Protein backbone atom coordinates (compact mmCIF):
# COMPACT_ATOMS: atom_id res chain seq x y z
CA UNK A 1 15.37 -26.12 -179.69
CA UNK A 2 14.85 -22.91 -178.77
CA UNK A 3 13.58 -20.08 -180.66
CA UNK A 4 16.92 -18.14 -181.95
CA UNK A 5 15.21 -14.79 -182.35
CA UNK A 6 13.73 -15.09 -178.62
CA UNK A 7 16.88 -16.16 -177.03
CA UNK A 8 19.02 -13.22 -178.77
CA UNK A 9 16.14 -11.05 -177.63
CA UNK A 10 16.37 -12.28 -174.05
CA UNK A 11 20.13 -11.41 -173.93
CA UNK A 12 19.88 -8.25 -175.43
CA UNK A 13 17.22 -7.15 -172.62
CA UNK A 14 20.04 -8.64 -170.10
CA UNK A 15 22.63 -6.86 -171.87
CA UNK A 16 20.87 -3.33 -171.34
CA UNK A 17 19.91 -3.91 -167.90
CA UNK A 18 23.72 -4.35 -167.45
CA UNK A 19 24.56 -1.23 -169.66
CA UNK A 20 21.78 0.63 -167.00
CA UNK A 21 23.73 -1.03 -164.12
CA UNK A 22 27.02 0.28 -165.29
CA UNK A 23 25.99 3.94 -166.20
CA UNK A 24 24.03 4.42 -162.44
CA UNK A 25 25.78 6.78 -160.07
CA UNK A 26 27.30 4.77 -157.52
CA UNK A 27 26.24 7.72 -154.81
CA UNK A 28 22.88 8.30 -155.67
CA UNK A 29 19.96 8.22 -153.53
CA UNK A 30 17.13 5.84 -154.15
CA UNK A 31 13.87 7.62 -152.24
CA UNK A 32 11.31 5.06 -152.49
CA UNK A 33 7.73 5.75 -153.27
CA UNK A 34 5.44 4.00 -150.36
CA UNK A 35 3.49 2.33 -152.99
CA UNK A 36 6.63 0.55 -154.65
CA UNK A 37 7.23 -1.19 -151.65
CA UNK A 38 6.33 -3.78 -149.03
CA UNK A 39 7.54 -5.56 -146.05
CA UNK A 40 7.02 -9.15 -143.67
CA UNK A 41 8.51 -11.33 -142.01
CA UNK A 42 8.94 -15.28 -143.41
CA UNK A 43 7.66 -18.24 -141.33
CA UNK A 44 11.24 -18.26 -139.81
CA UNK A 45 11.05 -14.73 -138.75
CA UNK A 46 13.38 -12.75 -141.11
CA UNK A 47 12.52 -9.69 -142.24
CA UNK A 48 11.67 -9.63 -145.81
CA UNK A 49 10.36 -7.82 -148.41
CA UNK A 50 9.17 -6.63 -152.37
CA UNK A 51 10.74 -3.65 -152.92
CA UNK A 52 9.75 -1.83 -156.52
CA UNK A 53 8.59 -5.22 -157.96
CA UNK A 54 11.98 -7.28 -156.80
CA UNK A 55 11.61 -10.02 -154.16
CA UNK A 56 13.99 -9.77 -151.26
CA UNK A 57 14.16 -12.78 -148.82
CA UNK A 58 16.28 -10.89 -146.37
CA UNK A 59 16.46 -7.15 -145.86
CA UNK A 60 18.44 -5.28 -143.39
CA UNK A 61 17.57 -1.72 -142.11
CA UNK A 62 19.44 0.81 -141.04
CA UNK A 63 18.49 4.40 -139.24
CA UNK A 64 20.73 7.05 -141.91
CA UNK A 65 20.47 9.87 -138.57
CA UNK A 66 19.97 7.25 -135.82
CA UNK A 67 19.48 9.89 -133.19
CA UNK A 68 18.10 13.00 -135.01
CA UNK A 69 14.96 10.67 -137.05
CA UNK A 70 13.37 7.59 -135.35
CA UNK A 71 10.75 6.81 -138.31
CA UNK A 72 12.66 8.86 -141.13
CA UNK A 73 15.05 8.27 -143.38
CA UNK A 74 15.46 4.61 -143.13
CA UNK A 75 18.35 2.52 -145.21
CA UNK A 76 17.09 -0.67 -146.73
CA UNK A 77 19.93 -2.63 -147.67
CA UNK A 78 20.29 -6.55 -149.17
CA UNK A 79 22.00 -9.56 -147.49
CA UNK A 80 25.10 -8.33 -148.55
CA UNK A 81 24.39 -5.23 -146.41
CA UNK A 82 24.34 -2.88 -150.28
CA UNK A 83 21.63 0.16 -150.24
CA UNK A 84 19.07 -0.98 -151.96
CA UNK A 85 16.98 2.94 -151.62
CA UNK A 86 16.03 4.95 -148.51
CA UNK A 87 12.42 5.14 -147.05
CA UNK A 88 11.39 8.95 -146.35
CA UNK A 89 8.99 8.21 -143.45
CA UNK A 90 7.64 4.72 -142.35
CA UNK A 91 4.44 6.51 -141.65
CA UNK A 92 3.48 6.63 -145.41
CA UNK A 93 3.69 2.81 -145.69
CA UNK A 94 0.84 0.44 -145.83
CA UNK A 95 -0.21 -1.26 -141.95
CA UNK A 96 1.50 -4.39 -142.33
CA UNK A 97 4.82 -2.93 -143.48
CA UNK A 98 4.94 -0.13 -141.34
CA UNK A 99 4.26 -2.59 -138.21
CA UNK A 100 7.34 -4.62 -139.36
CA UNK A 101 9.90 -1.81 -140.20
CA UNK A 102 8.74 -0.48 -136.54
CA UNK A 103 9.55 -3.90 -134.91
CA UNK A 104 12.78 -4.28 -137.16
CA UNK A 105 14.04 -0.97 -135.82
CA UNK A 106 13.26 -1.30 -132.10
CA UNK A 107 15.08 -4.94 -132.42
CA UNK A 108 18.41 -3.19 -134.44
CA UNK A 109 18.42 -0.04 -132.06
CA UNK A 110 17.34 -1.51 -128.42
CA UNK A 111 17.37 1.82 -126.28
CA UNK A 112 15.81 1.50 -123.04
CA UNK A 113 13.84 4.95 -121.96
CA UNK A 114 14.66 6.73 -118.69
CA UNK A 115 11.42 7.30 -116.31
CA UNK A 116 13.47 8.02 -113.28
CA UNK A 117 16.47 9.14 -112.16
CA UNK A 118 17.39 7.73 -108.67
CA UNK A 119 20.77 8.66 -108.42
CA UNK A 120 23.79 10.61 -109.98
CA UNK A 121 26.99 10.29 -108.25
CA UNK A 122 30.72 10.71 -108.88
CA UNK A 123 32.79 8.30 -106.99
CA UNK A 124 36.90 8.83 -107.94
CA UNK A 125 36.89 9.73 -111.91
CA UNK A 126 33.74 7.76 -112.46
CA UNK A 127 29.82 9.50 -112.69
CA UNK A 128 27.60 6.53 -111.73
CA UNK A 129 24.26 7.03 -112.69
CA UNK A 130 21.15 4.43 -110.85
CA UNK A 131 17.99 4.57 -113.58
CA UNK A 132 14.97 3.56 -113.87
CA UNK A 133 14.21 2.75 -117.71
CA UNK A 134 10.69 1.26 -119.15
CA UNK A 135 12.70 -2.20 -119.30
CA UNK A 136 13.88 -1.62 -114.89
CA UNK A 137 16.73 -0.76 -113.32
CA UNK A 138 20.24 -0.39 -114.92
CA UNK A 139 23.30 1.48 -114.22
CA UNK A 140 24.99 3.61 -116.42
CA UNK A 141 29.11 4.62 -115.67
CA UNK A 142 30.62 7.04 -117.31
CA UNK A 143 34.09 8.72 -117.09
CA UNK A 144 33.47 12.10 -118.54
CA UNK A 145 29.76 13.44 -118.83
CA UNK A 146 30.49 15.29 -121.94
CA UNK A 147 31.53 12.42 -123.77
CA UNK A 148 29.17 10.03 -123.05
CA UNK A 149 25.88 12.46 -123.37
CA UNK A 150 24.66 13.30 -126.61
CA UNK A 151 21.71 15.94 -127.12
CA UNK A 152 20.03 15.15 -130.51
CA UNK A 153 17.31 17.45 -129.88
CA UNK A 154 16.30 19.85 -127.61
CA UNK A 155 15.23 18.01 -124.43
CA UNK A 156 16.44 14.64 -125.52
CA UNK A 157 19.51 13.03 -124.14
CA UNK A 158 21.52 9.96 -125.18
CA UNK A 159 23.40 8.04 -122.40
CA UNK A 160 26.24 5.87 -122.81
CA UNK A 161 28.21 4.26 -120.64
CA UNK A 162 32.00 3.28 -120.67
CA UNK A 163 31.00 -0.26 -122.11
CA UNK A 164 28.78 1.05 -124.80
CA UNK A 165 25.52 0.56 -123.20
CA UNK A 166 23.29 3.16 -123.63
CA UNK A 167 19.48 4.38 -122.76
CA UNK A 168 17.42 7.66 -123.73
CA UNK A 169 16.17 10.31 -121.62
CA UNK A 170 13.35 11.45 -124.17
CA UNK A 171 12.10 14.52 -122.92
CA UNK A 172 13.84 15.66 -119.38
CA UNK A 173 10.90 18.25 -118.98
CA UNK A 174 8.97 15.20 -118.38
CA UNK A 175 10.56 13.39 -115.84
CA UNK A 176 9.50 14.45 -112.17
CA UNK A 177 10.82 16.87 -110.11
CA UNK A 178 13.31 15.09 -108.36
CA UNK A 179 15.20 13.63 -111.37
CA UNK A 180 15.07 16.76 -113.06
CA UNK A 181 16.55 18.59 -109.58
CA UNK A 182 19.51 15.40 -110.13
CA UNK A 183 20.13 16.02 -114.33
CA UNK A 184 20.14 19.66 -113.46
CA UNK A 185 23.06 19.36 -111.08
CA UNK A 186 25.04 17.48 -113.40
CA UNK A 187 24.03 19.35 -117.14
């Protein structure tokens, strides 16, 4: 038989936790302290972690400002996509956690980097970009340059084609002279 004092004490603690959850502001952002979180992969390769003492067998990451900050302001969510909190900067994490977070973000935000612009041509109402990226040759087709080019920072350009395929020019000032000239003609 259970001890009624310990059982009632447990239920009181659970009731207090429920009351605390009720009082919690749903719009409050929980910024994690770097020492309060750690991340790893399960044997099956699922991204998981311990967040503020609680074990999560599956976690999902999102960049809050995906074009502005690559390693800062990362939303950590549970398997139901409910936000648990925010990592201010992954550089503050321990080495293993930082590596796993970086790997997970690269999988989620697949974005080839342009290394050279072979050509930019306008045919009818389409702009056709032939590009070399860190992952090989690609073609980007756009209807309108201004709607398909984003400038998240001074020299950085995100190119998006009509089908949603994207790639980025991290810093157009570092491209070769021919690539810069082709880009200058359309900017």
